[in-house]
PDB file of N, CA and C in Angstrom:
ATOM      1  N   UNK A   1       0.851  -1.174  -0.002  1.00  0.00           N
ATOM      2  CA  UNK A   1      -0.002  -0.002  -0.001  1.00  0.00           C
ATOM      3  C   UNK A   1       0.899   1.243   0.001  1.00  0.00           C
ATOM      4  N   UNK A   2       0.615   2.194  -0.868  1.00  0.00           N
ATOM      5  CA  UNK A   2       1.441   3.386  -0.954  1.00  0.00           C
ATOM      6  C   UNK A   2       1.170   4.320   0.204  1.00  0.00           C
ATOM      7  N   UNK A   3       2.095   5.272   0.387  1.00  0.00           N
ATOM      8  CA  UNK A   3       1.964   6.233   1.474  1.00  0.00           C
ATOM      9  C   UNK A   3       0.654   7.022   1.357  1.00  0.00           C
ATOM     10  N   UNK A   4       0.297   7.437   0.130  1.00  0.00           N
ATOM     11  CA  UNK A   4      -0.930   8.193  -0.085  1.00  0.00           C
ATOM     12  C   UNK A   4      -2.161   7.387   0.267  1.00  0.00           C
ATOM     13  N   UNK A   5      -2.164   6.111  -0.114  1.00  0.00           N
ATOM     14  CA  UNK A   5      -3.314   5.259   0.192  1.00  0.00           C
ATOM     15  C   UNK A   5      -3.429   5.004   1.687  1.00  0.00           C
ATOM     16  N   UNK A   6      -2.284   4.839   2.354  1.00  0.00           N
ATOM     17  CA  UNK A   6      -2.288   4.638   3.802  1.00  0.00           C
ATOM     18  C   UNK A   6      -2.889   5.865   4.506  1.00  0.00           C
ATOM     19  N   UNK A   7      -2.487   7.050   4.063  1.00  0.00           N
ATOM     20  CA  UNK A   7      -2.993   8.275   4.651  1.00  0.00           C
ATOM     21  C   UNK A   7      -4.493   8.402   4.415  1.00  0.00           C
ATOM     22  N   UNK A   8      -4.934   8.097   3.207  1.00  0.00           N
ATOM     23  CA  UNK A   8      -6.369   8.162   2.891  1.00  0.00           C
ATOM     24  C   UNK A   8      -7.167   7.235   3.795  1.00  0.00           C
ATOM     25  N   UNK A   9      -6.645   6.018   3.987  1.00  0.00           N
ATOM     26  CA  UNK A   9      -7.333   5.051   4.839  1.00  0.00           C
ATOM     27  C   UNK A   9      -7.395   5.547   6.282  1.00  0.00           C
ATOM     28  N   UNK A  10      -6.296   6.113   6.741  1.00  0.00           N
ATOM     29  CA  UNK A  10      -6.224   6.601   8.119  1.00  0.00           C
ATOM     30  C   UNK A  10      -7.211   7.748   8.347  1.00  0.00           C
ATOM     31  N   UNK A  11      -7.366   8.614   7.354  1.00  0.00           N
ATOM     32  CA  UNK A  11      -8.229   9.788   7.490  1.00  0.00           C
ATOM     33  C   UNK A  11      -9.661   9.527   7.051  1.00  0.00           C
ATOM     34  N   UNK A  12      -9.916   8.378   6.504  1.00  0.00           N
ATOM     35  CA  UNK A  12     -11.211   8.085   5.882  1.00  0.00           C
ATOM     36  C   UNK A  12     -12.406   8.430   6.768  1.00  0.00           C
ATOM     37  N   UNK A  13     -12.377   8.048   8.012  1.00  0.00           N
ATOM     38  CA  UNK A  13     -13.518   8.306   8.887  1.00  0.00           C
ATOM     39  C   UNK A  13     -13.640   9.748   9.339  1.00  0.00           C
ATOM     40  N   UNK A  14     -12.562  10.517   9.282  1.00  0.00           N
ATOM     41  CA  UNK A  14     -12.572  11.860   9.827  1.00  0.00           C
ATOM     42  C   UNK A  14     -12.734  12.958   8.780  1.00  0.00           C
ATOM     43  N   UNK A  15     -12.233  12.711   7.592  1.00  0.00           N
ATOM     44  CA  UNK A  15     -12.214  13.743   6.571  1.00  0.00           C
ATOM     45  C   UNK A  15     -12.564  13.137   5.230  1.00  0.00           C
ATOM     46  N   UNK A  16     -13.010  13.996   4.347  1.00  0.00           N
ATOM     47  CA  UNK A  16     -13.144  13.545   2.958  1.00  0.00           C
ATOM     48  C   UNK A  16     -11.935  14.087   2.193  1.00  0.00           C
ATOM     49  N   UNK A  17     -11.396  13.283   1.327  1.00  0.00           N
ATOM     50  CA  UNK A  17     -10.225  13.672   0.568  1.00  0.00           C
ATOM     51  C   UNK A  17     -10.667  14.613  -0.555  1.00  0.00           C
ATOM     52  N   UNK A  18      -9.991  15.751  -0.648  1.00  0.00           N
ATOM     53  CA  UNK A  18     -10.314  16.725  -1.695  1.00  0.00           C
ATOM     54  C   UNK A  18      -9.942  16.174  -3.053  1.00  0.00           C
ATOM     55  N   UNK A  19     -10.785  16.423  -4.011  1.00  0.00           N
ATOM     56  CA  UNK A  19     -10.501  15.997  -5.367  1.00  0.00           C
ATOM     57  C   UNK A  19      -9.935  17.137  -6.166  1.00  0.00           C
ATOM     58  N   UNK A  20      -9.331  16.789  -7.300  1.00  0.00           N
ATOM     59  CA  UNK A  20      -8.781  17.812  -8.197  1.00  0.00           C
ATOM     60  C   UNK A  20      -9.969  18.447  -8.920  1.00  0.00           C
ATOM     61  N   UNK A  21     -10.036  19.765  -8.890  1.00  0.00           N
ATOM     62  CA  UNK A  21     -11.156  20.460  -9.513  1.00  0.00           C
ATOM     63  C   UNK A  21     -10.846  20.959 -10.912  1.00  0.00           C
ATOM     64  N   UNK A  22      -9.583  21.259 -11.169  1.00  0.00           N
ATOM     65  CA  UNK A  22      -9.217  21.804 -12.482  1.00  0.00           C
ATOM     66  C   UNK A  22      -7.923  21.183 -12.959  1.00  0.00           C
ATOM     67  N   UNK A  23      -7.731  21.221 -14.259  1.00  0.00           N
ATOM     68  CA  UNK A  23      -6.469  20.790 -14.855  1.00  0.00           C
ATOM     69  C   UNK A  23      -5.807  22.037 -15.417  1.00  0.00           C
ATOM     70  N   UNK A  24      -4.564  22.246 -15.091  1.00  0.00           N
ATOM     71  CA  UNK A  24      -3.822  23.396 -15.597  1.00  0.00           C
ATOM     72  C   UNK A  24      -2.942  23.001 -16.761  1.00  0.00           C
ATOM     73  N   UNK A  25      -2.782  23.912 -17.686  1.00  0.00           N
ATOM     74  CA  UNK A  25      -1.777  23.718 -18.737  1.00  0.00           C
ATOM     75  C   UNK A  25      -0.456  24.248 -18.208  1.00  0.00           C
ATOM     76  N   UNK A  26       0.613  23.962 -18.917  1.00  0.00           N
ATOM     77  CA  UNK A  26       1.933  24.482 -18.547  1.00  0.00           C
ATOM     78  C   UNK A  26       1.890  26.009 -18.548  1.00  0.00           C
ATOM     79  N   UNK A  27       1.298  26.594 -19.567  1.00  0.00           N
ATOM     80  CA  UNK A  27       1.201  28.050 -19.675  1.00  0.00           C
ATOM     81  C   UNK A  27       0.439  28.672 -18.511  1.00  0.00           C
ATOM     82  N   UNK A  28      -0.652  28.023 -18.126  1.00  0.00           N
ATOM     83  CA  UNK A  28      -1.443  28.538 -17.004  1.00  0.00           C
ATOM     84  C   UNK A  28      -0.633  28.462 -15.706  1.00  0.00           C
ATOM     85  N   UNK A  29       0.154  27.421 -15.539  1.00  0.00           N
ATOM     86  CA  UNK A  29       0.957  27.311 -14.317  1.00  0.00           C
ATOM     87  C   UNK A  29       2.014  28.416 -14.261  1.00  0.00           C
ATOM     88  N   UNK A  30       2.581  28.764 -15.410  1.00  0.00           N
ATOM     89  CA  UNK A  30       3.561  29.861 -15.464  1.00  0.00           C
ATOM     90  C   UNK A  30       2.873  31.179 -15.114  1.00  0.00           C
ATOM     91  N   UNK A  31       1.719  31.431 -15.717  1.00  0.00           N
ATOM     92  CA  UNK A  31       1.001  32.684 -15.459  1.00  0.00           C
ATOM     93  C   UNK A  31       0.601  32.803 -13.999  1.00  0.00           C
ATOM     94  N   UNK A  32       0.067  31.726 -13.431  1.00  0.00           N
ATOM     95  CA  UNK A  32      -0.364  31.752 -12.024  1.00  0.00           C
ATOM     96  C   UNK A  32       0.813  32.004 -11.100  1.00  0.00           C
ATOM     97  N   UNK A  33       1.931  31.339 -11.348  1.00  0.00           N
ATOM     98  CA  UNK A  33       3.131  31.554 -10.514  1.00  0.00           C
ATOM     99  C   UNK A  33       3.631  32.986 -10.652  1.00  0.00           C
ATOM    100  N   UNK A  34       3.599  33.511 -11.870  1.00  0.00           N
ATOM    101  CA  UNK A  34       4.040  34.893 -12.095  1.00  0.00           C
ATOM    102  C   UNK A  34       3.131  35.867 -11.359  1.00  0.00           C
ATOM    103  N   UNK A  35       1.817  35.686 -11.497  1.00  0.00           N
ATOM    104  CA  UNK A  35       0.871  36.581 -10.821  1.00  0.00           C
ATOM    105  C   UNK A  35       0.954  36.434  -9.300  1.00  0.00           C
ATOM    106  N   UNK A  36       1.182  35.235  -8.800  1.00  0.00           N
ATOM    107  CA  UNK A  36       1.346  35.021  -7.361  1.00  0.00           C
ATOM    108  C   UNK A  36       2.522  35.837  -6.824  1.00  0.00           C
ATOM    109  N   UNK A  37       3.562  35.956  -7.631  1.00  0.00           N
ATOM    110  CA  UNK A  37       4.733  36.745  -7.258  1.00  0.00           C
ATOM    111  C   UNK A  37       4.569  38.232  -7.576  1.00  0.00           C
ATOM    112  N   UNK A  38       3.362  38.599  -8.032  1.00  0.00           N
ATOM    113  CA  UNK A  38       3.028  39.994  -8.347  1.00  0.00           C
ATOM    114  C   UNK A  38       4.000  40.610  -9.347  1.00  0.00           C
ATOM    115  N   UNK A  39       4.286  39.836 -10.407  1.00  0.00           N
ATOM    116  CA  UNK A  39       5.185  40.290 -11.452  1.00  0.00           C
ATOM    117  C   UNK A  39       4.418  40.442 -12.763  1.00  0.00           C
ATOM    118  N   UNK A  40       4.749  41.463 -13.511  1.00  0.00           N
ATOM    119  CA  UNK A  40       4.235  41.580 -14.874  1.00  0.00           C
ATOM    120  C   UNK A  40       5.105  40.715 -15.776  1.00  0.00           C
ATOM    121  N   UNK A  41       4.651  40.489 -16.984  1.00  0.00           N
ATOM    122  CA  UNK A  41       5.481  39.742 -17.935  1.00  0.00           C
ATOM    123  C   UNK A  41       6.789  40.502 -18.187  1.00  0.00           C
ATOM    124  N   UNK A  42       6.715  41.822 -18.277  1.00  0.00           N
ATOM    125  CA  UNK A  42       7.927  42.629 -18.479  1.00  0.00           C
ATOM    126  C   UNK A  42       8.903  42.491 -17.322  1.00  0.00           C
ATOM    127  N   UNK A  43       8.393  42.502 -16.102  1.00  0.00           N
ATOM    128  CA  UNK A  43       9.266  42.362 -14.929  1.00  0.00           C
ATOM    129  C   UNK A  43       9.927  40.977 -14.905  1.00  0.00           C
ATOM    130  N   UNK A  44       9.137  39.936 -15.235  1.00  0.00           N
ATOM    131  CA  UNK A  44       9.695  38.588 -15.275  1.00  0.00           C
ATOM    132  C   UNK A  44      10.734  38.478 -16.380  1.00  0.00           C
ATOM    133  N   UNK A  45      10.490  39.130 -17.487  1.00  0.00           N
ATOM    134  CA  UNK A  45      11.463  39.137 -18.589  1.00  0.00           C
ATOM    135  C   UNK A  45      12.780  39.753 -18.151  1.00  0.00           C
ATOM    136  N   UNK A  46      12.703  40.846 -17.397  1.00  0.00           N
ATOM    137  CA  UNK A  46      13.915  41.517 -16.902  1.00  0.00           C
ATOM    138  C   UNK A  46      14.667  40.608 -15.930  1.00  0.00           C
ATOM    139  N   UNK A  47      13.941  39.913 -15.062  1.00  0.00           N
ATOM    140  CA  UNK A  47      14.572  39.033 -14.076  1.00  0.00           C
ATOM    141  C   UNK A  47      15.241  37.817 -14.718  1.00  0.00           C
ATOM    142  N   UNK A  48      14.640  37.304 -15.784  1.00  0.00           N
ATOM    143  CA  UNK A  48      15.101  36.050 -16.364  1.00  0.00           C
ATOM    144  C   UNK A  48      15.945  36.177 -17.622  1.00  0.00           C
ATOM    145  N   UNK A  49      15.818  37.307 -18.299  1.00  0.00           N
ATOM    146  CA  UNK A  49      16.488  37.443 -19.588  1.00  0.00           C
ATOM    147  C   UNK A  49      15.729  36.789 -20.733  1.00  0.00           C
ATOM    148  N   UNK A  50      14.537  36.263 -20.427  1.00  0.00           N
ATOM    149  CA  UNK A  50      13.680  35.676 -21.450  1.00  0.00           C
ATOM    150  C   UNK A  50      12.799  36.789 -21.991  1.00  0.00           C
ATOM    151  N   UNK A  51      12.741  36.984 -23.293  1.00  0.00           N
ATOM    152  CA  UNK A  51      11.934  38.077 -23.852  1.00  0.00           C
ATOM    153  C   UNK A  51      10.474  37.987 -23.421  1.00  0.00           C
ATOM    154  N   UNK A  52       9.875  39.161 -23.222  1.00  0.00           N
ATOM    155  CA  UNK A  52       8.469  39.222 -22.806  1.00  0.00           C
ATOM    156  C   UNK A  52       7.577  38.502 -23.818  1.00  0.00           C
ATOM    157  N   UNK A  53       7.885  38.610 -25.091  1.00  0.00           N
ATOM    158  CA  UNK A  53       7.060  37.952 -26.117  1.00  0.00           C
ATOM    159  C   UNK A  53       7.124  36.430 -25.968  1.00  0.00           C
ATOM    160  N   UNK A  54       8.273  35.914 -25.542  1.00  0.00           N
ATOM    161  CA  UNK A  54       8.405  34.472 -25.325  1.00  0.00           C
ATOM    162  C   UNK A  54       7.600  34.057 -24.095  1.00  0.00           C
ATOM    163  N   UNK A  55       7.658  34.852 -23.040  1.00  0.00           N
ATOM    164  CA  UNK A  55       6.871  34.566 -21.838  1.00  0.00           C
ATOM    165  C   UNK A  55       5.384  34.563 -22.184  1.00  0.00           C
ATOM    166  N   UNK A  56       4.962  35.531 -22.960  1.00  0.00           N
ATOM    167  CA  UNK A  56       3.561  35.592 -23.399  1.00  0.00           C
ATOM    168  C   UNK A  56       3.192  34.334 -24.180  1.00  0.00           C
ATOM    169  N   UNK A  57       4.054  33.920 -25.101  1.00  0.00           N
ATOM    170  CA  UNK A  57       3.797  32.705 -25.883  1.00  0.00           C
ATOM    171  C   UNK A  57       3.734  31.460 -25.035  1.00  0.00           C
ATOM    172  N   UNK A  58       4.584  31.374 -24.023  1.00  0.00           N
ATOM    173  CA  UNK A  58       4.554  30.241 -23.094  1.00  0.00           C
ATOM    174  C   UNK A  58       3.235  30.225 -22.336  1.00  0.00           C
ATOM    175  N   UNK A  59       2.846  31.382 -21.821  1.00  0.00           N
ATOM    176  CA  UNK A  59       1.604  31.470 -21.044  1.00  0.00           C
ATOM    177  C   UNK A  59       0.373  31.144 -21.893  1.00  0.00           C
ATOM    178  N   UNK A  60       0.461  31.364 -23.176  1.00  0.00           N
ATOM    179  CA  UNK A  60      -0.661  31.054 -24.090  1.00  0.00           C
ATOM    180  C   UNK A  60      -0.507  29.668 -24.710  1.00  0.00           C
ATOM    181  N   UNK A  61       0.476  28.911 -24.236  1.00  0.00           N
ATOM    182  CA  UNK A  61       0.757  27.564 -24.710  1.00  0.00           C
ATOM    183  C   UNK A  61       1.047  27.509 -26.213  1.00  0.00           C
ATOM    184  N   UNK A  62       1.628  28.572 -26.736  1.00  0.00           N
ATOM    185  CA  UNK A  62       2.043  28.601 -28.132  1.00  0.00           C
ATOM    186  C   UNK A  62       3.528  28.303 -28.288  1.00  0.00           C
ATOM    187  N   UNK A  63       4.280  28.484 -27.211  1.00  0.00           N
ATOM    188  CA  UNK A  63       5.723  28.215 -27.216  1.00  0.00           C
ATOM    189  C   UNK A  63       5.999  27.172 -26.132  1.00  0.00           C
ATOM    190  N   UNK A  64       6.769  26.152 -26.501  1.00  0.00           N
ATOM    191  CA  UNK A  64       7.122  25.097 -25.570  1.00  0.00           C
ATOM    192  C   UNK A  64       8.010  25.645 -24.460  1.00  0.00           C
ATOM    193  N   UNK A  65       7.679  25.344 -23.213  1.00  0.00           N
ATOM    194  CA  UNK A  65       8.460  25.835 -22.078  1.00  0.00           C
ATOM    195  C   UNK A  65       9.875  25.257 -22.094  1.00  0.00           C
ATOM    196  N   UNK A  66      10.025  23.968 -22.129  1.00  0.00           N
ATOM    197  CA  UNK A  66      11.335  23.328 -22.119  1.00  0.00           C
ATOM    198  C   UNK A  66      12.000  23.378 -20.753  1.00  0.00           C
ATOM    199  N   UNK A  67      12.897  22.454 -20.540  1.00  0.00           N
ATOM    200  CA  UNK A  67      13.555  22.293 -19.240  1.00  0.00           C
ATOM    201  C   UNK A  67      14.422  23.497 -18.886  1.00  0.00           C
ATOM    202  N   UNK A  68      15.197  23.998 -19.848  1.00  0.00           N
ATOM    203  CA  UNK A  68      16.089  25.130 -19.563  1.00  0.00           C
ATOM    204  C   UNK A  68      15.306  26.378 -19.161  1.00  0.00           C
ATOM    205  N   UNK A  69      14.276  26.710 -19.922  1.00  0.00           N
ATOM    206  CA  UNK A  69      13.452  27.884 -19.570  1.00  0.00           C
ATOM    207  C   UNK A  69      12.734  27.659 -18.246  1.00  0.00           C
ATOM    208  N   UNK A  70      12.256  26.443 -18.020  1.00  0.00           N
ATOM    209  CA  UNK A  70      11.573  26.137 -16.753  1.00  0.00           C
ATOM    210  C   UNK A  70      12.498  26.395 -15.572  1.00  0.00           C
ATOM    211  N   UNK A  71      13.746  26.005 -15.688  1.00  0.00           N
ATOM    212  CA  UNK A  71      14.708  26.201 -14.596  1.00  0.00           C
ATOM    213  C   UNK A  71      14.940  27.684 -14.349  1.00  0.00           C
ATOM    214  N   UNK A  72      15.080  28.446 -15.417  1.00  0.00           N
ATOM    215  CA  UNK A  72      15.309  29.906 -15.272  1.00  0.00           C
ATOM    216  C   UNK A  72      14.079  30.577 -14.673  1.00  0.00           C
ATOM    217  N   UNK A  73      12.898  30.250 -15.193  1.00  0.00           N
ATOM    218  CA  UNK A  73      11.670  30.862 -14.672  1.00  0.00           C
ATOM    219  C   UNK A  73      11.426  30.452 -13.216  1.00  0.00           C
ATOM    220  N   UNK A  74      11.608  29.175 -12.929  1.00  0.00           N
ATOM    221  CA  UNK A  74      11.346  28.685 -11.570  1.00  0.00           C
ATOM    222  C   UNK A  74      12.246  29.376 -10.547  1.00  0.00           C
ATOM    223  N   UNK A  75      13.489  29.606 -10.910  1.00  0.00           N
ATOM    224  CA  UNK A  75      14.409  30.298  -9.984  1.00  0.00           C
ATOM    225  C   UNK A  75      13.865  31.686  -9.652  1.00  0.00           C
ATOM    226  N   UNK A  76      13.404  32.405 -10.655  1.00  0.00           N
ATOM    227  CA  UNK A  76      12.885  33.765 -10.428  1.00  0.00           C
ATOM    228  C   UNK A  76      11.539  33.751  -9.721  1.00  0.00           C
ATOM    229  N   UNK A  77      10.752  32.691  -9.934  1.00  0.00           N
ATOM    230  CA  UNK A  77       9.425  32.594  -9.320  1.00  0.00           C
ATOM    231  C   UNK A  77       9.465  31.891  -7.974  1.00  0.00           C
ATOM    232  N   UNK A  78      10.664  31.452  -7.579  1.00  0.00           N
ATOM    233  CA  UNK A  78      10.878  30.803  -6.261  1.00  0.00           C
ATOM    234  C   UNK A  78      10.036  29.550  -6.092  1.00  0.00           C
ATOM    235  N   UNK A  79      10.035  28.710  -7.144  1.00  0.00           N
ATOM    236  CA  UNK A  79       9.329  27.446  -7.098  1.00  0.00           C
ATOM    237  C   UNK A  79      10.199  26.360  -7.747  1.00  0.00           C
ATOM    238  N   UNK A  80       9.818  25.135  -7.597  1.00  0.00           N
ATOM    239  CA  UNK A  80      10.545  24.036  -8.233  1.00  0.00           C
ATOM    240  C   UNK A  80      10.135  23.971  -9.704  1.00  0.00           C
ATOM    241  N   UNK A  81      11.061  23.702 -10.614  1.00  0.00           N
ATOM    242  CA  UNK A  81      10.729  23.630 -12.041  1.00  0.00           C
ATOM    243  C   UNK A  81       9.622  22.620 -12.372  1.00  0.00           C
ATOM    244  N   UNK A  82       9.515  21.565 -11.587  1.00  0.00           N
ATOM    245  CA  UNK A  82       8.475  20.557 -11.841  1.00  0.00           C
ATOM    246  C   UNK A  82       7.075  21.146 -11.728  1.00  0.00           C
ATOM    247  N   UNK A  83       6.908  22.159 -10.902  1.00  0.00           N
ATOM    248  CA  UNK A  83       5.604  22.825 -10.775  1.00  0.00           C
ATOM    249  C   UNK A  83       5.190  23.405 -12.126  1.00  0.00           C
ATOM    250  N   UNK A  84       6.146  23.905 -12.871  1.00  0.00           N
ATOM    251  CA  UNK A  84       5.856  24.489 -14.174  1.00  0.00           C
ATOM    252  C   UNK A  84       5.761  23.427 -15.264  1.00  0.00           C
ATOM    253  N   UNK A  85       6.629  22.440 -15.209  1.00  0.00           N
ATOM    254  CA  UNK A  85       6.695  21.447 -16.276  1.00  0.00           C
ATOM    255  C   UNK A  85       5.596  20.401 -16.221  1.00  0.00           C
ATOM    256  N   UNK A  86       5.114  20.077 -15.037  1.00  0.00           N
ATOM    257  CA  UNK A  86       4.137  18.993 -14.887  1.00  0.00           C
ATOM    258  C   UNK A  86       2.902  19.414 -14.090  1.00  0.00           C
ATOM    259  N   UNK A  87       2.207  20.482 -14.491  1.00  0.00           N
ATOM    260  CA  UNK A  87       1.055  20.922 -13.693  1.00  0.00           C
ATOM    261  C   UNK A  87      -0.083  19.916 -13.587  1.00  0.00           C
ATOM    262  N   UNK A  88      -0.316  19.063 -14.618  1.00  0.00           N
ATOM    263  CA  UNK A  88      -1.448  18.139 -14.479  1.00  0.00           C
ATOM    264  C   UNK A  88      -1.087  16.816 -13.822  1.00  0.00           C
ATOM    265  N   UNK A  89       0.140  16.680 -13.304  1.00  0.00           N
ATOM    266  CA  UNK A  89       0.604  15.412 -12.751  1.00  0.00           C
ATOM    267  C   UNK A  89      -0.269  14.991 -11.576  1.00  0.00           C
ATOM    268  N   UNK A  90      -0.781  13.788 -11.625  1.00  0.00           N
ATOM    269  CA  UNK A  90      -1.605  13.231 -10.557  1.00  0.00           C
ATOM    270  C   UNK A  90      -0.794  12.104  -9.926  1.00  0.00           C
ATOM    271  N   UNK A  91      -0.334  12.287  -8.707  1.00  0.00           N
ATOM    272  CA  UNK A  91       0.564  11.314  -8.079  1.00  0.00           C
ATOM    273  C   UNK A  91      -0.099   9.962  -7.864  1.00  0.00           C
ATOM    274  N   UNK A  92      -1.400   9.923  -7.613  1.00  0.00           N
ATOM    275  CA  UNK A  92      -2.077   8.644  -7.426  1.00  0.00           C
ATOM    276  C   UNK A  92      -2.210   7.869  -8.735  1.00  0.00           C
ATOM    277  N   UNK A  93      -2.559   8.568  -9.789  1.00  0.00           N
ATOM    278  CA  UNK A  93      -2.837   7.921 -11.081  1.00  0.00           C
ATOM    279  C   UNK A  93      -1.592   7.740 -11.942  1.00  0.00           C
ATOM    280  N   UNK A  94      -0.688   8.733 -11.944  1.00  0.00           N
ATOM    281  CA  UNK A  94       0.418   8.756 -12.892  1.00  0.00           C
ATOM    282  C   UNK A  94       1.701   8.121 -12.372  1.00  0.00           C
ATOM    283  N   UNK A  95       1.816   7.859 -11.106  1.00  0.00           N
ATOM    284  CA  UNK A  95       3.062   7.281 -10.601  1.00  0.00           C
ATOM    285  C   UNK A  95       3.047   5.765 -10.768  1.00  0.00           C
ATOM    286  N   UNK A  96       4.227   5.241 -10.915  1.00  0.00           N
ATOM    287  CA  UNK A  96       4.368   3.790 -11.044  1.00  0.00           C
ATOM    288  C   UNK A  96       4.655   3.211  -9.671  1.00  0.00           C
ATOM    289  N   UNK A  97       3.631   2.758  -9.021  1.00  0.00           N
ATOM    290  CA  UNK A  97       3.807   2.223  -7.656  1.00  0.00           C
ATOM    291  C   UNK A  97       3.524   0.749  -7.609  1.00  0.00           C
TER     292      UNK A  97
END
């Protein structure tokens, strides 16, 4: 039994487990992280050296984020790159356990 399943079983009588309500795209995860940090696209461009037009394209899912850009953006947004690269990842369903 995985750690997540054990926790669910333990909490079963006391709480209901929250379900995922929305699926985010990579672009949406970048935009949300940027807005959470109260940065404009221009400000993020200055911090990262990534052109504002590229950031806009990423946020609109027209330009592929890629690992290198994810690392640069994540550093400036103070988050782990995986948050940007894998926003729809479901640990219960997608992990090989």
